[in-house]
Amino acid sequence: MKSIDGGKTFSNVAVPHGDNHHLWIDPNNNQVMINSNDEIWIERRLIDPRALRANIERMHAENPEGSVVIQADKESKTDTLIQVMDAARSAGVFNVSIAANEP
C-alpha cells in the first residue's frame, strides 16, 4: 500500500514479490529511495539507472542549495547505493546524506 498524503489515505500497489519493506516518503523532501529490489525512485517515479545522473542534475538545478538524501532499504545492495552516490557526485552534488533508522 502507498500513501501520497502523509498517511491520510492509502492505495494498493503491485510489487514484484511479497518481500518489500515499507518506506514513508515525506512529500516535502525529495529523497532518492532504493527499495529491497534495488529499484531507484526519485519523486515517486521509478528511475532507469542510466537516467540517474540527469535526474539528480535536474533536482539540483531546481534546488541548488539542497542535498541528496538517500534512503536505502536494508535489503538493497551496497552497489546500488554507491551507484546513486557516484551519480550525485557526477552531477556536481557533493552534499549527500544517507537516511537510516536507529537499530
C-alpha atoms as a PDB file:
ATOM      1  CA  MET A   1       0.000   0.000   0.000  1.00  0.00           C
ATOM      2  CA  LYS A   2       1.080   3.581  -0.548  1.00  0.00           C
ATOM      3  CA  SER A   3       0.024   6.979   0.643  1.00  0.00           C
ATOM      4  CA  ILE A   4       0.723  10.266  -1.099  1.00  0.00           C
ATOM      5  CA  ASP A   5      -0.909  12.444   1.536  1.00  0.00           C
ATOM      6  CA  GLY A   6       1.095  11.647   4.660  1.00  0.00           C
ATOM      7  CA  GLY A   7      -0.907   8.552   5.601  1.00  0.00           C
ATOM      8  CA  LYS A   8      -4.412  10.027   5.416  1.00  0.00           C
ATOM      9  CA  THR A   9      -5.427   7.659   2.597  1.00  0.00           C
ATOM     10  CA  PHE A  10      -3.851   4.558   1.049  1.00  0.00           C
ATOM     11  CA  SER A  11      -3.992   2.714  -2.263  1.00  0.00           C
ATOM     12  CA  ASN A  12      -2.771  -0.746  -3.293  1.00  0.00           C
ATOM     13  CA  VAL A  13       0.441  -1.070  -5.296  1.00  0.00           C
ATOM     14  CA  ALA A  14       1.554  -4.071  -7.348  1.00  0.00           C
ATOM     15  CA  VAL A  15       5.001  -5.288  -6.239  1.00  0.00           C
ATOM     16  CA  PRO A  16       7.420  -7.779  -7.822  1.00  0.00           C
ATOM     17  CA  HIS A  17       7.347 -10.046  -4.775  1.00  0.00           C
ATOM     18  CA  GLY A  18       5.991 -10.059  -1.256  1.00  0.00           C
ATOM     19  CA  ASP A  19       9.240  -9.139   0.494  1.00  0.00           C
ATOM     20  CA  ASN A  20       9.111  -5.378   0.074  1.00  0.00           C
ATOM     21  CA  HIS A  21       9.822  -3.250   3.114  1.00  0.00           C
ATOM     22  CA  HIS A  22       7.757  -0.191   3.857  1.00  0.00           C
ATOM     23  CA  LEU A  23       9.205   3.274   3.363  1.00  0.00           C
ATOM     24  CA  TRP A  24       7.448   6.524   4.198  1.00  0.00           C
ATOM     25  CA  ILE A  25       8.243   9.395   1.821  1.00  0.00           C
ATOM     26  CA  ASP A  26       7.965  12.879   3.244  1.00  0.00           C
ATOM     27  CA  PRO A  27       6.181  14.840   0.481  1.00  0.00           C
ATOM     28  CA  ASN A  28       8.246  17.945   1.348  1.00  0.00           C
ATOM     29  CA  ASN A  29      11.627  16.236   0.941  1.00  0.00           C
ATOM     30  CA  ASN A  30      12.568  14.740  -2.424  1.00  0.00           C
ATOM     31  CA  GLN A  31      14.654  11.809  -1.368  1.00  0.00           C
ATOM     32  CA  VAL A  32      16.270   9.199  -3.511  1.00  0.00           C
ATOM     33  CA  MET A  33      14.799   5.877  -2.452  1.00  0.00           C
ATOM     34  CA  ILE A  34      16.289   2.431  -3.050  1.00  0.00           C
ATOM     35  CA  ASN A  35      13.908  -0.426  -2.333  1.00  0.00           C
ATOM     36  CA  SER A  36      14.636  -4.058  -1.483  1.00  0.00           C
ATOM     37  CA  ASN A  37      14.551  -4.915  -5.208  1.00  0.00           C
ATOM     38  CA  ASP A  38      17.313  -2.344  -5.886  1.00  0.00           C
ATOM     39  CA  GLU A  39      14.897  -0.107  -7.750  1.00  0.00           C
ATOM     40  CA  ILE A  40      15.760   3.593  -7.571  1.00  0.00           C
ATOM     41  CA  TRP A  41      12.920   6.059  -7.019  1.00  0.00           C
ATOM     42  CA  ILE A  42      13.023   9.860  -7.173  1.00  0.00           C
ATOM     43  CA  GLU A  43       9.932  11.993  -6.559  1.00  0.00           C
ATOM     44  CA  ARG A  44       7.722   8.877  -6.582  1.00  0.00           C
ATOM     45  CA  ARG A  45       8.987   7.867 -10.037  1.00  0.00           C
ATOM     46  CA  LEU A  46      10.922   4.712 -10.860  1.00  0.00           C
ATOM     47  CA  ILE A  47      14.230   5.824 -12.397  1.00  0.00           C
ATOM     48  CA  ASP A  48      16.194   3.922 -15.003  1.00  0.00           C
ATOM     49  CA  PRO A  49      19.768   3.757 -13.646  1.00  0.00           C
ATOM     50  CA  ARG A  50      21.029   5.181 -16.963  1.00  0.00           C
ATOM     51  CA  ALA A  51      18.969   8.351 -16.297  1.00  0.00           C
ATOM     52  CA  LEU A  52      20.009   8.718 -12.664  1.00  0.00           C
ATOM     53  CA  ARG A  53      22.610  11.451 -13.194  1.00  0.00           C
ATOM     54  CA  ALA A  54      20.257  13.521 -15.385  1.00  0.00           C
ATOM     55  CA  ASN A  55      17.505  13.300 -12.750  1.00  0.00           C
ATOM     56  CA  ILE A  56      19.859  14.382  -9.970  1.00  0.00           C
ATOM     57  CA  GLU A  57      21.143  17.247 -12.157  1.00  0.00           C
ATOM     58  CA  ARG A  58      17.531  18.389 -12.671  1.00  0.00           C
ATOM     59  CA  MET A  59      16.804  18.204  -8.931  1.00  0.00           C
ATOM     60  CA  HIS A  60      19.982  20.157  -8.211  1.00  0.00           C
ATOM     61  CA  ALA A  61      19.095  22.832 -10.801  1.00  0.00           C
ATOM     62  CA  GLU A  62      15.671  23.253  -9.190  1.00  0.00           C
ATOM     63  CA  ASN A  63      17.192  23.499  -5.689  1.00  0.00           C
ATOM     64  CA  PRO A  64      20.929  24.361  -5.853  1.00  0.00           C
ATOM     65  CA  GLU A  65      21.186  24.643  -2.057  1.00  0.00           C
ATOM     66  CA  GLY A  66      19.586  21.246  -1.488  1.00  0.00           C
ATOM     67  CA  SER A  67      21.328  17.994  -0.774  1.00  0.00           C
ATOM     68  CA  VAL A  68      20.749  14.466  -1.978  1.00  0.00           C
ATOM     69  CA  VAL A  69      19.259  12.295   0.745  1.00  0.00           C
ATOM     70  CA  ILE A  70      19.378   8.571   0.025  1.00  0.00           C
ATOM     71  CA  GLN A  71      17.093   6.214   1.884  1.00  0.00           C
ATOM     72  CA  ALA A  72      18.055   2.631   1.091  1.00  0.00           C
ATOM     73  CA  ASP A  73      16.191  -0.452   2.213  1.00  0.00           C
ATOM     74  CA  LYS A  74      18.343  -2.694   4.405  1.00  0.00           C
ATOM     75  CA  GLU A  75      17.884  -5.491   1.844  1.00  0.00           C
ATOM     76  CA  SER A  76      19.185  -3.373  -1.057  1.00  0.00           C
ATOM     77  CA  LYS A  77      22.682  -3.927  -2.403  1.00  0.00           C
ATOM     78  CA  THR A  78      25.561  -1.667  -1.452  1.00  0.00           C
ATOM     79  CA  ASP A  79      26.436  -1.430  -5.153  1.00  0.00           C
ATOM     80  CA  THR A  80      23.134   0.356  -5.806  1.00  0.00           C
ATOM     81  CA  LEU A  81      23.806   2.830  -3.003  1.00  0.00           C
ATOM     82  CA  ILE A  82      27.280   3.538  -4.411  1.00  0.00           C
ATOM     83  CA  GLN A  83      25.788   3.963  -7.903  1.00  0.00           C
ATOM     84  CA  VAL A  84      23.476   6.701  -6.562  1.00  0.00           C
ATOM     85  CA  MET A  85      26.300   8.374  -4.647  1.00  0.00           C
ATOM     86  CA  ASP A  86      28.536   8.338  -7.739  1.00  0.00           C
ATOM     87  CA  ALA A  87      25.734   9.782  -9.880  1.00  0.00           C
ATOM     88  CA  ALA A  88      25.278  12.620  -7.379  1.00  0.00           C
ATOM     89  CA  ARG A  89      28.981  13.454  -7.478  1.00  0.00           C
ATOM     90  CA  SER A  90      28.974  13.296 -11.279  1.00  0.00           C
ATOM     91  CA  ALA A  91      26.012  15.691 -11.252  1.00  0.00           C
ATOM     92  CA  GLY A  92      28.016  18.147  -9.140  1.00  0.00           C
ATOM     93  CA  VAL A  93      26.243  17.438  -5.861  1.00  0.00           C
ATOM     94  CA  PHE A  94      28.666  16.795  -3.036  1.00  0.00           C
ATOM     95  CA  ASN A  95      26.277  17.212  -0.112  1.00  0.00           C
ATOM     96  CA  VAL A  96      24.990  13.630   0.049  1.00  0.00           C
ATOM     97  CA  SER A  97      23.369  12.091   3.126  1.00  0.00           C
ATOM     98  CA  ILE A  98      22.176   8.602   3.899  1.00  0.00           C
ATOM     99  CA  ALA A  99      18.970   8.334   5.914  1.00  0.00           C
ATOM    100  CA  ALA A 100      18.848   5.440   8.360  1.00  0.00           C
ATOM    101  CA  ASN A 101      16.654   4.128  11.110  1.00  0.00           C
ATOM    102  CA  GLU A 102      18.051   3.504  14.553  1.00  0.00           C
ATOM    103  CA  PRO A 103      18.589  -0.200  15.270  1.00  0.00           C
END
